[in-house]
Amino acid sequence: MEPPIKREPVLELYFTSEGEVLPYSFTLTQNCSNNMTKYQALIFGLEMAVDTKQQHLNVYGDSQLVINQLLGLYEVKKPELLPYHNYAKMLMRDDEDDIFQEEENHVMEVFEIEEEDWRQPLVDYLKYGKLPSDPRRRIDIQRRATCFIYYKGTLYRRSVEGIFLCCLSDDEKDQAMEEAHSGVCGARQSGPKLHFRIKTMGYYWPTMVKDCIDYAKRCQAC
């Protein structure tokens, strides 16, 4: 029996080397089996990595079949999957890109952390030396903390230019985007310009790029 076809939105998360979380979603324009959807989602991410000239990429997936086929542990038996498999292998650089099996609840964990306050784990570590119990998160916090300082009750992130940016909560980031996009800060801005403007204002949060693009698209006056 063939697997069911689906045309549901696909969600991908990109974690930059600087600790930023960039969520993207897209909808496939043709009916695909579950495994074809998994391959197309992978290819979408790999093409973005190539376009942005990423030097190293870790790929996380929840499809045991696709992961093991790319690792060479499983044979690609279905002919309709072979073109996707070959193209994905071509996009990947075997000596640089790694594939890992990812836990199904990882995405939920990420959004739960963001909903609470993305800054709190970093503050706990920088102020008290406290780390999460999960080994993976412990390593992630320790790695990301090298770009942050906690000073007089405020978390700051050091930019690539060496400037310390004030880290904002969800409520604060909405206010910053509204201020930068219109009113006090003058003319309305497109997504990339809005992101640049907020950085010059001295603010930071992990999903700045994505949030600024979405905010600009939602604005009726753009």
N, C-alpha and C. Protein backbone atom coordinates (compact mmCIF):
# COMPACT_ATOMS: atom_id res chain seq x y z
N MET A 1 0.84 -1.20 0.00
CA MET A 1 0.00 0.00 0.00
C MET A 1 0.87 1.25 0.00
N GLU A 2 0.55 2.19 -0.88
CA GLU A 2 1.33 3.41 -0.98
C GLU A 2 1.03 4.32 0.21
N PRO A 3 2.03 5.04 0.70
CA PRO A 3 1.78 5.98 1.80
C PRO A 3 0.87 7.10 1.36
N PRO A 4 0.15 7.72 2.27
CA PRO A 4 -0.79 8.79 1.90
C PRO A 4 -0.07 10.01 1.36
N ILE A 5 -0.76 10.72 0.47
CA ILE A 5 -0.20 11.96 -0.05
C ILE A 5 -0.58 13.10 0.87
N LYS A 6 0.22 14.15 0.87
CA LYS A 6 -0.05 15.26 1.77
C LYS A 6 0.41 16.57 1.15
N ARG A 7 -0.29 17.65 1.44
CA ARG A 7 0.09 18.98 0.97
C ARG A 7 0.02 19.93 2.14
N GLU A 8 0.54 19.51 3.26
CA GLU A 8 0.50 20.31 4.47
C GLU A 8 1.71 21.25 4.51
N PRO A 9 1.60 22.36 5.23
CA PRO A 9 2.76 23.24 5.41
C PRO A 9 3.90 22.50 6.09
N VAL A 10 5.11 22.79 5.67
CA VAL A 10 6.30 22.16 6.23
C VAL A 10 7.06 23.21 7.05
N LEU A 11 7.42 22.85 8.27
CA LEU A 11 8.16 23.77 9.15
C LEU A 11 9.60 23.32 9.28
N GLU A 12 10.53 24.26 9.13
CA GLU A 12 11.94 23.97 9.35
C GLU A 12 12.50 25.01 10.31
N LEU A 13 13.45 24.57 11.14
CA LEU A 13 14.12 25.47 12.07
C LEU A 13 15.59 25.52 11.72
N TYR A 14 16.15 26.72 11.66
CA TYR A 14 17.57 26.91 11.41
C TYR A 14 18.20 27.50 12.67
N PHE A 15 19.23 26.82 13.17
CA PHE A 15 19.96 27.30 14.34
C PHE A 15 21.32 27.78 13.86
N THR A 16 21.57 29.07 13.93
CA THR A 16 22.84 29.61 13.46
C THR A 16 23.94 29.34 14.47
N SER A 17 25.17 29.52 14.02
CA SER A 17 26.32 29.31 14.91
C SER A 17 26.34 30.33 16.04
N GLU A 18 25.58 31.42 15.88
CA GLU A 18 25.51 32.45 16.92
C GLU A 18 24.33 32.25 17.86
N GLY A 19 23.62 31.12 17.69
CA GLY A 19 22.53 30.80 18.59
C GLY A 19 21.17 31.34 18.18
N GLU A 20 21.06 31.93 16.99
CA GLU A 20 19.77 32.44 16.53
C GLU A 20 18.89 31.29 16.04
N VAL A 21 17.59 31.41 16.27
CA VAL A 21 16.62 30.43 15.80
C VAL A 21 15.79 31.08 14.70
N LEU A 22 15.85 30.52 13.49
CA LEU A 22 15.14 31.08 12.34
C LEU A 22 14.14 30.06 11.83
N PRO A 23 12.86 30.20 12.17
CA PRO A 23 11.85 29.26 11.67
C PRO A 23 11.38 29.64 10.27
N TYR A 24 11.22 28.66 9.39
CA TYR A 24 10.69 28.87 8.05
C TYR A 24 9.62 27.82 7.77
N SER A 25 8.62 28.19 7.01
CA SER A 25 7.60 27.24 6.60
C SER A 25 7.30 27.43 5.13
N PHE A 26 6.89 26.35 4.47
CA PHE A 26 6.52 26.41 3.06
C PHE A 26 5.53 25.29 2.79
N THR A 27 4.80 25.43 1.69
CA THR A 27 3.81 24.42 1.30
C THR A 27 4.20 23.86 -0.05
N LEU A 28 4.21 22.54 -0.17
CA LEU A 28 4.55 21.89 -1.43
C LEU A 28 3.42 22.11 -2.43
N THR A 29 3.78 22.31 -3.69
CA THR A 29 2.79 22.63 -4.72
C THR A 29 2.23 21.40 -5.41
N GLN A 30 2.71 20.21 -5.07
CA GLN A 30 2.20 18.99 -5.66
C GLN A 30 2.01 17.94 -4.58
N ASN A 31 1.15 16.95 -4.88
CA ASN A 31 0.91 15.89 -3.93
C ASN A 31 2.15 15.02 -3.79
N CYS A 32 2.55 14.73 -2.56
CA CYS A 32 3.77 13.97 -2.30
C CYS A 32 3.50 12.92 -1.23
N SER A 33 4.22 11.80 -1.31
CA SER A 33 4.18 10.83 -0.23
C SER A 33 4.90 11.42 0.97
N ASN A 34 4.74 10.78 2.11
CA ASN A 34 5.41 11.26 3.33
C ASN A 34 6.91 11.34 3.15
N ASN A 35 7.50 10.31 2.54
CA ASN A 35 8.95 10.28 2.38
C ASN A 35 9.43 11.30 1.35
N MET A 36 8.64 11.53 0.31
CA MET A 36 8.99 12.57 -0.65
C MET A 36 8.96 13.95 0.01
N THR A 37 7.99 14.14 0.90
CA THR A 37 7.91 15.40 1.64
C THR A 37 9.14 15.61 2.50
N LYS A 38 9.60 14.53 3.16
CA LYS A 38 10.79 14.62 4.00
C LYS A 38 12.01 15.01 3.17
N TYR A 39 12.14 14.39 1.99
CA TYR A 39 13.28 14.70 1.12
C TYR A 39 13.21 16.14 0.62
N GLN A 40 12.02 16.59 0.23
CA GLN A 40 11.91 17.95 -0.29
C GLN A 40 12.18 18.99 0.80
N ALA A 41 11.77 18.69 2.02
CA ALA A 41 12.08 19.60 3.12
C ALA A 41 13.59 19.68 3.33
N LEU A 42 14.26 18.53 3.25
CA LEU A 42 15.72 18.50 3.38
C LEU A 42 16.38 19.29 2.27
N ILE A 43 15.93 19.08 1.04
CA ILE A 43 16.51 19.77 -0.12
C ILE A 43 16.31 21.28 -0.01
N PHE A 44 15.14 21.70 0.45
CA PHE A 44 14.87 23.13 0.65
C PHE A 44 15.89 23.73 1.60
N GLY A 45 16.16 23.04 2.70
CA GLY A 45 17.14 23.54 3.67
C GLY A 45 18.55 23.54 3.12
N LEU A 46 18.91 22.48 2.39
CA LEU A 46 20.26 22.40 1.82
C LEU A 46 20.49 23.49 0.78
N GLU A 47 19.47 23.77 -0.04
CA GLU A 47 19.61 24.83 -1.04
C GLU A 47 19.79 26.19 -0.38
N MET A 48 19.08 26.42 0.71
CA MET A 48 19.26 27.68 1.44
C MET A 48 20.67 27.78 2.00
N ALA A 49 21.19 26.66 2.51
CA ALA A 49 22.54 26.66 3.06
C ALA A 49 23.57 26.95 1.98
N VAL A 50 23.36 26.39 0.78
CA VAL A 50 24.28 26.64 -0.33
C VAL A 50 24.20 28.11 -0.75
N ASP A 51 22.98 28.63 -0.86
CA ASP A 51 22.80 30.02 -1.28
C ASP A 51 23.43 31.01 -0.31
N THR A 52 23.39 30.68 0.98
CA THR A 52 23.95 31.58 1.99
C THR A 52 25.40 31.26 2.32
N LYS A 53 25.99 30.32 1.55
CA LYS A 53 27.42 29.98 1.65
C LYS A 53 27.80 29.54 3.08
N GLN A 54 26.99 28.64 3.65
CA GLN A 54 27.31 28.10 4.96
C GLN A 54 28.51 27.17 4.86
N GLN A 55 29.45 27.30 5.78
CA GLN A 55 30.66 26.49 5.75
C GLN A 55 30.47 25.12 6.39
N HIS A 56 29.56 25.02 7.32
CA HIS A 56 29.32 23.74 8.00
C HIS A 56 27.86 23.65 8.36
N LEU A 57 27.29 22.47 8.20
CA LEU A 57 25.86 22.29 8.41
C LEU A 57 25.59 20.97 9.11
N ASN A 58 24.84 21.03 10.20
CA ASN A 58 24.33 19.84 10.87
C ASN A 58 22.87 19.67 10.50
N VAL A 59 22.52 18.49 10.00
CA VAL A 59 21.16 18.22 9.54
C VAL A 59 20.46 17.32 10.55
N TYR A 60 19.30 17.76 11.05
CA TYR A 60 18.52 16.98 11.99
C TYR A 60 17.21 16.57 11.33
N GLY A 61 16.83 15.32 11.47
CA GLY A 61 15.58 14.85 10.88
C GLY A 61 14.89 13.82 11.75
N ASP A 62 13.59 13.63 11.51
CA ASP A 62 12.84 12.65 12.29
C ASP A 62 12.39 11.46 11.45
N SER A 63 12.90 11.34 10.21
CA SER A 63 12.56 10.21 9.36
C SER A 63 13.71 9.21 9.36
N GLN A 64 13.49 8.06 9.98
CA GLN A 64 14.53 7.04 10.06
C GLN A 64 14.91 6.54 8.67
N LEU A 65 13.92 6.41 7.78
CA LEU A 65 14.20 5.92 6.44
C LEU A 65 15.11 6.87 5.68
N VAL A 66 14.75 8.15 5.65
CA VAL A 66 15.53 9.13 4.90
C VAL A 66 16.93 9.28 5.48
N ILE A 67 17.03 9.34 6.80
CA ILE A 67 18.34 9.47 7.45
C ILE A 67 19.24 8.31 7.08
N ASN A 68 18.73 7.09 7.20
CA ASN A 68 19.55 5.91 6.93
C ASN A 68 19.87 5.75 5.46
N GLN A 69 18.98 6.21 4.58
CA GLN A 69 19.31 6.19 3.15
C GLN A 69 20.45 7.15 2.85
N LEU A 70 20.43 8.32 3.45
CA LEU A 70 21.51 9.28 3.22
C LEU A 70 22.82 8.83 3.84
N LEU A 71 22.74 8.08 4.92
CA LEU A 71 23.95 7.53 5.54
C LEU A 71 24.48 6.31 4.81
N GLY A 72 23.71 5.81 3.84
CA GLY A 72 24.12 4.63 3.10
C GLY A 72 23.80 3.33 3.80
N LEU A 73 23.02 3.38 4.87
CA LEU A 73 22.66 2.18 5.61
C LEU A 73 21.46 1.47 5.01
N TYR A 74 20.57 2.23 4.34
CA TYR A 74 19.40 1.67 3.68
C TYR A 74 19.52 1.91 2.19
N GLU A 75 19.04 0.96 1.41
CA GLU A 75 18.99 1.12 -0.04
C GLU A 75 17.74 1.90 -0.42
N VAL A 76 17.86 2.74 -1.44
CA VAL A 76 16.70 3.48 -1.95
C VAL A 76 15.99 2.57 -2.94
N LYS A 77 14.90 1.96 -2.51
CA LYS A 77 14.22 0.96 -3.33
C LYS A 77 13.13 1.57 -4.21
N LYS A 78 12.49 2.62 -3.76
CA LYS A 78 11.41 3.22 -4.54
C LYS A 78 11.99 4.17 -5.58
N PRO A 79 11.72 3.94 -6.85
CA PRO A 79 12.31 4.77 -7.92
C PRO A 79 11.93 6.24 -7.82
N GLU A 80 10.73 6.54 -7.27
CA GLU A 80 10.31 7.94 -7.19
C GLU A 80 11.11 8.72 -6.16
N LEU A 81 11.79 8.01 -5.24
CA LEU A 81 12.61 8.69 -4.24
C LEU A 81 14.05 8.91 -4.71
N LEU A 82 14.46 8.16 -5.71
CA LEU A 82 15.86 8.19 -6.14
C LEU A 82 16.32 9.57 -6.60
N PRO A 83 15.55 10.30 -7.43
CA PRO A 83 16.01 11.64 -7.84
C PRO A 83 16.20 12.59 -6.66
N TYR A 84 15.29 12.52 -5.68
CA TYR A 84 15.42 13.37 -4.49
C TYR A 84 16.66 12.99 -3.69
N HIS A 85 16.89 11.68 -3.55
CA HIS A 85 18.05 11.19 -2.80
C HIS A 85 19.34 11.64 -3.45
N ASN A 86 19.43 11.47 -4.77
CA ASN A 86 20.66 11.82 -5.48
C ASN A 86 20.93 13.33 -5.42
N TYR A 87 19.87 14.13 -5.55
CA TYR A 87 20.05 15.58 -5.50
C TYR A 87 20.46 16.04 -4.11
N ALA A 88 19.87 15.44 -3.08
CA ALA A 88 20.25 15.78 -1.71
C ALA A 88 21.70 15.43 -1.44
N LYS A 89 22.14 14.27 -1.92
CA LYS A 89 23.54 13.87 -1.74
C LYS A 89 24.47 14.82 -2.48
N MET A 90 24.05 15.31 -3.63
CA MET A 90 24.88 16.24 -4.39
C MET A 90 25.03 17.56 -3.63
N LEU A 91 23.95 18.01 -2.99
CA LEU A 91 24.00 19.27 -2.25
C LEU A 91 24.84 19.16 -0.99
N MET A 92 24.87 17.96 -0.42
CA MET A 92 25.61 17.77 0.82
C MET A 92 27.08 17.56 0.52
N ARG A 93 27.92 18.07 1.40
CA ARG A 93 29.36 17.87 1.28
C ARG A 93 29.74 16.82 2.30
N ASP A 94 30.07 15.63 1.82
CA ASP A 94 30.24 14.48 2.71
C ASP A 94 31.29 14.70 3.79
N ASP A 95 32.28 15.54 3.52
CA ASP A 95 33.35 15.74 4.49
C ASP A 95 33.02 16.84 5.50
N GLU A 96 31.89 17.55 5.28
CA GLU A 96 31.59 18.67 6.16
C GLU A 96 30.22 18.56 6.82
N ASP A 97 29.22 18.03 6.11
CA ASP A 97 27.86 18.01 6.65
C ASP A 97 27.61 16.73 7.43
N ASP A 98 26.97 16.84 8.55
CA ASP A 98 26.64 15.72 9.40
C ASP A 98 25.14 15.53 9.46
N ILE A 99 24.70 14.26 9.57
CA ILE A 99 23.29 13.95 9.68
C ILE A 99 23.06 13.31 11.03
N PHE A 100 22.05 13.76 11.73
CA PHE A 100 21.74 13.20 13.03
C PHE A 100 20.26 12.85 13.10
N GLN A 101 19.96 11.77 13.80
CA GLN A 101 18.56 11.46 14.11
C GLN A 101 18.12 12.38 15.24
N GLU A 102 17.02 13.05 15.05
CA GLU A 102 16.58 14.02 16.04
C GLU A 102 15.36 13.51 16.77
N GLU A 103 15.24 13.84 18.06
CA GLU A 103 14.08 13.47 18.85
C GLU A 103 12.86 14.24 18.38
N GLU A 104 11.69 13.58 18.41
CA GLU A 104 10.47 14.18 17.89
C GLU A 104 10.04 15.40 18.68
N ASN A 105 10.36 15.45 19.97
CA ASN A 105 9.87 16.55 20.80
C ASN A 105 10.84 17.72 20.85
N HIS A 106 11.90 17.69 20.03
CA HIS A 106 12.90 18.76 20.10
C HIS A 106 12.32 20.10 19.69
N VAL A 107 11.52 20.11 18.60
CA VAL A 107 10.93 21.37 18.14
C VAL A 107 10.01 21.93 19.20
N MET A 108 9.21 21.08 19.84
CA MET A 108 8.31 21.55 20.89
C MET A 108 9.11 22.13 22.05
N GLU A 109 10.24 21.49 22.39
CA GLU A 109 11.07 21.99 23.47
C GLU A 109 11.59 23.39 23.15
N VAL A 110 12.00 23.61 21.90
CA VAL A 110 12.53 24.91 21.49
C VAL A 110 11.49 25.99 21.67
N PHE A 111 10.26 25.74 21.20
CA PHE A 111 9.23 26.76 21.29
C PHE A 111 8.77 26.97 22.72
N GLU A 112 8.81 25.92 23.54
CA GLU A 112 8.47 26.10 24.95
C GLU A 112 9.48 27.01 25.63
N ILE A 113 10.75 26.83 25.30
CA ILE A 113 11.79 27.68 25.86
C ILE A 113 11.59 29.13 25.42
N GLU A 114 11.28 29.31 24.11
CA GLU A 114 11.10 30.65 23.60
C GLU A 114 9.90 31.33 24.26
N GLU A 115 8.80 30.55 24.50
CA GLU A 115 7.61 31.13 25.09
C GLU A 115 7.86 31.59 26.52
N GLU A 116 8.63 30.85 27.28
CA GLU A 116 8.91 31.23 28.66
C GLU A 116 9.74 32.52 28.69
N ASP A 117 10.91 32.47 28.21
CA ASP A 117 11.80 33.62 28.06
C ASP A 117 13.15 33.07 27.60
N TRP A 118 13.50 33.34 26.37
CA TRP A 118 14.70 32.76 25.79
C TRP A 118 15.96 33.18 26.54
N ARG A 119 15.87 34.29 27.28
CA ARG A 119 17.04 34.81 27.98
C ARG A 119 17.36 34.09 29.28
N GLN A 120 16.34 33.49 29.89
CA GLN A 120 16.49 32.99 31.25
C GLN A 120 17.58 31.93 31.41
N PRO A 121 17.69 30.92 30.52
CA PRO A 121 18.77 29.94 30.69
C PRO A 121 20.16 30.58 30.64
N LEU A 122 20.33 31.60 29.80
CA LEU A 122 21.61 32.28 29.70
C LEU A 122 21.89 33.10 30.96
N VAL A 123 20.86 33.76 31.48
CA VAL A 123 21.01 34.52 32.72
C VAL A 123 21.35 33.59 33.87
N ASP A 124 20.66 32.46 33.95
CA ASP A 124 20.93 31.50 35.03
C ASP A 124 22.37 31.02 35.00
N TYR A 125 22.89 30.81 33.79
CA TYR A 125 24.27 30.31 33.67
C TYR A 125 25.28 31.42 33.98
N LEU A 126 25.07 32.59 33.40
CA LEU A 126 26.04 33.68 33.58
C LEU A 126 26.04 34.24 35.00
N LYS A 127 24.88 34.25 35.64
CA LYS A 127 24.77 34.84 36.97
C LYS A 127 25.04 33.82 38.09
N TYR A 128 24.52 32.60 37.90
CA TYR A 128 24.61 31.61 38.98
C TYR A 128 25.42 30.37 38.62
N GLY A 129 25.83 30.24 37.35
CA GLY A 129 26.52 29.02 36.93
C GLY A 129 25.59 27.84 36.81
N LYS A 130 24.28 28.10 36.73
CA LYS A 130 23.27 27.04 36.67
C LYS A 130 23.04 26.62 35.23
N LEU A 131 22.97 25.29 35.01
CA LEU A 131 22.76 24.75 33.67
C LEU A 131 21.57 23.80 33.67
N PRO A 132 20.92 23.62 32.51
CA PRO A 132 19.80 22.67 32.42
C PRO A 132 20.27 21.25 32.68
N SER A 133 19.36 20.38 33.03
CA SER A 133 19.71 18.98 33.31
C SER A 133 19.96 18.20 32.03
N ASP A 134 19.34 18.62 30.93
CA ASP A 134 19.52 17.92 29.65
C ASP A 134 20.93 18.17 29.12
N PRO A 135 21.71 17.12 28.84
CA PRO A 135 23.11 17.31 28.39
C PRO A 135 23.23 18.13 27.12
N ARG A 136 22.31 17.93 26.20
CA ARG A 136 22.38 18.67 24.93
C ARG A 136 22.17 20.16 25.16
N ARG A 137 21.20 20.48 26.01
CA ARG A 137 20.95 21.90 26.30
C ARG A 137 22.09 22.51 27.10
N ARG A 138 22.71 21.72 27.96
CA ARG A 138 23.85 22.23 28.72
C ARG A 138 24.96 22.69 27.78
N ILE A 139 25.27 21.84 26.81
CA ILE A 139 26.32 22.17 25.84
C ILE A 139 25.92 23.40 25.02
N ASP A 140 24.64 23.46 24.62
CA ASP A 140 24.17 24.58 23.81
C ASP A 140 24.27 25.90 24.57
N ILE A 141 23.85 25.90 25.84
CA ILE A 141 23.91 27.12 26.65
C ILE A 141 25.35 27.57 26.86
N GLN A 142 26.24 26.63 27.16
CA GLN A 142 27.65 26.97 27.37
C GLN A 142 28.27 27.56 26.11
N ARG A 143 27.91 27.01 24.96
CA ARG A 143 28.44 27.51 23.69
C ARG A 143 27.91 28.91 23.39
N ARG A 144 26.61 29.10 23.56
CA ARG A 144 26.00 30.39 23.24
C ARG A 144 26.43 31.47 24.22
N ALA A 145 26.67 31.09 25.46
CA ALA A 145 26.97 32.08 26.51
C ALA A 145 28.24 32.87 26.24
N THR A 146 29.12 32.35 25.38
CA THR A 146 30.36 33.06 25.08
C THR A 146 30.10 34.39 24.36
N CYS A 147 28.90 34.54 23.78
CA CYS A 147 28.56 35.78 23.07
C CYS A 147 27.75 36.74 23.92
N PHE A 148 27.50 36.38 25.20
CA PHE A 148 26.63 37.19 26.04
C PHE A 148 27.34 37.62 27.33
N ILE A 149 26.87 38.73 27.89
CA ILE A 149 27.28 39.14 29.23
C ILE A 149 26.03 39.55 30.01
N TYR A 150 26.09 39.42 31.32
CA TYR A 150 24.99 39.84 32.18
C TYR A 150 25.51 40.94 33.08
N TYR A 151 24.96 42.15 32.91
CA TYR A 151 25.50 43.31 33.61
C TYR A 151 24.36 44.16 34.17
N LYS A 152 24.38 44.33 35.48
CA LYS A 152 23.40 45.18 36.18
C LYS A 152 21.96 44.82 35.81
N GLY A 153 21.67 43.54 35.87
CA GLY A 153 20.29 43.08 35.66
C GLY A 153 19.84 42.99 34.22
N THR A 154 20.74 43.18 33.27
CA THR A 154 20.38 43.14 31.85
C THR A 154 21.31 42.21 31.09
N LEU A 155 20.74 41.42 30.19
CA LEU A 155 21.52 40.53 29.34
C LEU A 155 21.87 41.26 28.05
N TYR A 156 23.15 41.18 27.66
CA TYR A 156 23.62 41.80 26.43
C TYR A 156 24.28 40.74 25.55
N ARG A 157 24.13 40.94 24.24
CA ARG A 157 24.81 40.06 23.29
C ARG A 157 25.86 40.86 22.52
N ARG A 158 27.04 40.30 22.40
CA ARG A 158 28.13 40.95 21.66
C ARG A 158 27.97 40.65 20.18
N SER A 159 27.83 41.68 19.37
CA SER A 159 27.68 41.50 17.93
C SER A 159 29.03 41.23 17.29
N VAL A 160 29.01 40.89 16.00
CA VAL A 160 30.26 40.64 15.28
C VAL A 160 31.10 41.90 15.18
N GLU A 161 30.45 43.06 15.31
CA GLU A 161 31.18 44.33 15.29
C GLU A 161 31.75 44.69 16.66
N GLY A 162 31.46 43.85 17.67
CA GLY A 162 31.96 44.11 19.01
C GLY A 162 31.07 45.01 19.84
N ILE A 163 29.87 45.29 19.34
CA ILE A 163 28.92 46.14 20.06
C ILE A 163 28.01 45.27 20.93
N PHE A 164 27.73 45.72 22.14
CA PHE A 164 26.86 44.96 23.03
C PHE A 164 25.41 45.42 22.84
N LEU A 165 24.57 44.48 22.43
CA LEU A 165 23.17 44.74 22.14
C LEU A 165 22.29 44.27 23.30
N CYS A 166 21.34 45.08 23.67
CA CYS A 166 20.43 44.74 24.77
C CYS A 166 19.45 43.65 24.31
N CYS A 167 19.35 42.56 25.05
CA CYS A 167 18.49 41.44 24.69
C CYS A 167 17.06 41.71 25.15
N LEU A 168 16.11 41.55 24.23
CA LEU A 168 14.72 41.88 24.50
C LEU A 168 13.85 40.65 24.69
N SER A 169 12.81 40.81 25.49
CA SER A 169 11.80 39.77 25.66
C SER A 169 10.82 39.83 24.49
N ASP A 170 9.84 38.92 24.46
CA ASP A 170 8.86 38.91 23.38
C ASP A 170 8.06 40.21 23.34
N ASP A 171 7.60 40.67 24.49
CA ASP A 171 6.83 41.91 24.53
C ASP A 171 7.68 43.11 24.10
N GLU A 172 8.92 43.13 24.55
CA GLU A 172 9.81 44.24 24.22
C GLU A 172 10.17 44.27 22.74
N LYS A 173 10.33 43.08 22.14
CA LYS A 173 10.70 43.05 20.72
C LYS A 173 9.56 43.58 19.85
N ASP A 174 8.31 43.30 20.24
CA ASP A 174 7.18 43.84 19.48
C ASP A 174 7.17 45.36 19.52
N GLN A 175 7.46 45.92 20.67
CA GLN A 175 7.51 47.37 20.80
C GLN A 175 8.65 47.96 19.98
N ALA A 176 9.80 47.25 19.97
CA ALA A 176 10.95 47.74 19.21
C ALA A 176 10.67 47.74 17.72
N MET A 177 10.01 46.69 17.22
CA MET A 177 9.69 46.63 15.79
C MET A 177 8.68 47.71 15.42
N GLU A 178 7.69 47.93 16.27
CA GLU A 178 6.71 48.97 15.99
C GLU A 178 7.37 50.35 15.96
N GLU A 179 8.27 50.59 16.91
CA GLU A 179 8.96 51.88 16.97
C GLU A 179 9.86 52.09 15.77
N ALA A 180 10.60 51.03 15.41
CA ALA A 180 11.55 51.16 14.30
C ALA A 180 10.84 51.23 12.95
N HIS A 181 9.68 50.61 12.86
CA HIS A 181 8.99 50.52 11.57
C HIS A 181 8.22 51.78 11.20
N SER A 182 7.80 52.52 12.18
CA SER A 182 7.05 53.74 11.89
C SER A 182 7.07 54.67 13.10
N GLY A 183 6.57 55.86 12.91
CA GLY A 183 6.42 56.80 14.02
C GLY A 183 7.73 57.43 14.42
N VAL A 184 8.26 57.07 15.61
CA VAL A 184 9.43 57.72 16.19
C VAL A 184 10.62 57.65 15.27
N CYS A 185 10.80 56.49 14.63
CA CYS A 185 12.00 56.29 13.83
C CYS A 185 11.80 56.64 12.36
N GLY A 186 10.70 57.31 12.03
CA GLY A 186 10.57 57.85 10.70
C GLY A 186 9.92 56.92 9.71
N ALA A 187 10.45 56.91 8.47
CA ALA A 187 9.82 56.21 7.36
C ALA A 187 9.70 54.71 7.62
N ARG A 188 8.66 54.13 7.04
CA ARG A 188 8.44 52.70 7.20
C ARG A 188 9.55 51.92 6.49
N GLN A 189 9.86 50.74 7.05
CA GLN A 189 11.01 49.99 6.58
C GLN A 189 10.61 48.63 6.03
N SER A 190 11.37 48.09 5.07
CA SER A 190 11.20 46.71 4.64
C SER A 190 11.84 45.80 5.68
N GLY A 191 11.64 44.47 5.52
CA GLY A 191 12.15 43.53 6.51
C GLY A 191 13.64 43.64 6.81
N PRO A 192 14.51 43.51 5.79
CA PRO A 192 15.95 43.61 6.05
C PRO A 192 16.37 44.97 6.61
N LYS A 193 15.76 46.05 6.08
CA LYS A 193 16.09 47.38 6.60
C LYS A 193 15.62 47.54 8.04
N LEU A 194 14.48 46.93 8.34
CA LEU A 194 13.96 46.98 9.71
C LEU A 194 14.91 46.27 10.66
N HIS A 195 15.41 45.12 10.24
CA HIS A 195 16.37 44.37 11.06
C HIS A 195 17.63 45.19 11.31
N PHE A 196 18.14 45.82 10.25
CA PHE A 196 19.35 46.65 10.39
C PHE A 196 19.08 47.83 11.31
N ARG A 197 17.90 48.43 11.16
CA ARG A 197 17.56 49.59 11.99
C ARG A 197 17.52 49.21 13.47
N ILE A 198 16.93 48.06 13.78
CA ILE A 198 16.82 47.64 15.18
C ILE A 198 18.20 47.35 15.76
N LYS A 199 19.09 46.79 14.95
CA LYS A 199 20.46 46.56 15.43
C LYS A 199 21.15 47.88 15.74
N THR A 200 20.93 48.89 14.91
CA THR A 200 21.55 50.20 15.18
C THR A 200 20.94 50.85 16.42
N MET A 201 19.73 50.45 16.78
CA MET A 201 19.10 50.94 18.00
C MET A 201 19.66 50.24 19.23
N GLY A 202 20.45 49.16 19.00
CA GLY A 202 21.10 48.48 20.11
C GLY A 202 20.32 47.33 20.71
N TYR A 203 19.44 46.70 19.90
CA TYR A 203 18.60 45.62 20.42
C TYR A 203 18.93 44.28 19.75
N TYR A 204 18.59 43.19 20.46
CA TYR A 204 18.81 41.85 19.92
C TYR A 204 17.81 40.86 20.50
N TRP A 205 17.39 39.90 19.67
CA TRP A 205 16.72 38.67 20.12
C TRP A 205 16.98 37.62 19.03
N PRO A 206 16.86 36.34 19.34
CA PRO A 206 17.34 35.29 18.42
C PRO A 206 16.65 35.25 17.07
N THR A 207 15.37 35.60 17.00
CA THR A 207 14.63 35.47 15.74
C THR A 207 14.41 36.82 15.07
N MET A 208 15.35 37.72 15.22
CA MET A 208 15.19 39.08 14.69
C MET A 208 14.92 39.11 13.19
N VAL A 209 15.71 38.38 12.41
CA VAL A 209 15.59 38.44 10.96
C VAL A 209 14.21 37.99 10.52
N LYS A 210 13.80 36.82 10.97
CA LYS A 210 12.49 36.28 10.60
C LYS A 210 11.36 37.19 11.09
N ASP A 211 11.44 37.66 12.31
CA ASP A 211 10.38 38.50 12.87
C ASP A 211 10.24 39.81 12.11
N CYS A 212 11.37 40.40 11.73
CA CYS A 212 11.33 41.68 11.01
C CYS A 212 10.73 41.51 9.62
N ILE A 213 11.07 40.43 8.95
CA ILE A 213 10.50 40.16 7.62
C ILE A 213 8.99 39.96 7.73
N ASP A 214 8.57 39.16 8.71
CA ASP A 214 7.13 38.90 8.90
C ASP A 214 6.39 40.18 9.28
N TYR A 215 7.00 40.99 10.12
CA TYR A 215 6.35 42.23 10.57
C TYR A 215 6.14 43.17 9.38
N ALA A 216 7.17 43.30 8.54
CA ALA A 216 7.06 44.19 7.39
C ALA A 216 6.00 43.70 6.41
N LYS A 217 5.89 42.37 6.25
CA LYS A 217 4.89 41.82 5.33
C LYS A 217 3.47 42.06 5.84
N ARG A 218 3.31 42.03 7.16
CA ARG A 218 1.98 42.22 7.74
C ARG A 218 1.50 43.67 7.69
N CYS A 219 2.45 44.57 7.55
CA CYS A 219 2.08 45.99 7.60
C CYS A 219 1.30 46.39 6.34
N GLN A 220 0.12 46.90 6.51
CA GLN A 220 -0.73 47.26 5.38
C GLN A 220 -0.18 48.44 4.59
N ALA A 221 0.67 49.27 5.23
CA ALA A 221 1.17 50.48 4.57
C ALA A 221 2.44 50.24 3.77
N CYS A 222 2.98 48.98 3.81
CA CYS A 222 4.25 48.73 3.12
C CYS A 222 4.07 48.79 1.61
